[in-house]
Amino acid sequence: MPDPNPQRRNEEARKAILTAAMELSTDPGFQATSVEAIAKRAGVGKQTIYRWWQSKGAVVLDALNELALPTMSFPDTGDVIADLRTQLTGVATLLRQSEGRVFAGLVSAAQNDDSLSRTMIETILQPRVDACRERLERAQRQGQLRRDVDLEEVIELLYGPLYYRLLFRTQPVTTDQPAQIIDLAFTGLRPKRSRRGSP
């Protein structure tokens, strides 16, 4: 017997669409995916998708944000370096999976779609930047970070290398990379001084 509750039917259809969008954006890939294909996989009409989303990119963005990228709250163990390592390793792990390919496809599409670009910043990027900034601000108050640094630049310094590898495919994103990034960021590039008396 059909479900008489239209709200439940709408939610079931919405979840089916988001699941189909993620599956198809993984294989055959974002560029090869169409609204028609998503509708067919989800078992809904194309008009149902366009009633809720204005484009393929908008559907996939919602799917990525809701199904694949649950809000990553920063741990606060009292050690900002340990907490950053935990967070960055989680991001690196995610980018190594199918979600990373979907995200890269969205970034590519956003270059020619201002609306998609703004929505990506508002729904995926900015909330996570804000969470990172709040953690770094606490570290500043605790004396673990310099107070005169621009935290926006610190965030770019820490996360930029992961997305550089993901988007340009210069090397694979690895789970070892975050520790290397943090070591460079907090230790620097200057040669380590040997202790007095050491050869």
Foldseek 3Di string as FASTA:
>chain_A
DDDPDVVVVLVLLLVLLLVLLLVVCLVVRDVPDALCSSCVSSVHDSVSVVVPDVGSLRSPLVSCLPPPNDPDAFDPPVQLLVRQLVVLLVVLVSLLDSSVRSVLSSVVVCVVPVVSVVVCCVRPNVVNLVNNVVSVVVCVVVVNDPPPDDSVVVVCQQCVVSVCCSNVVPDRRDSVVNVVSSCCVVVHDDDDDDDPPDD
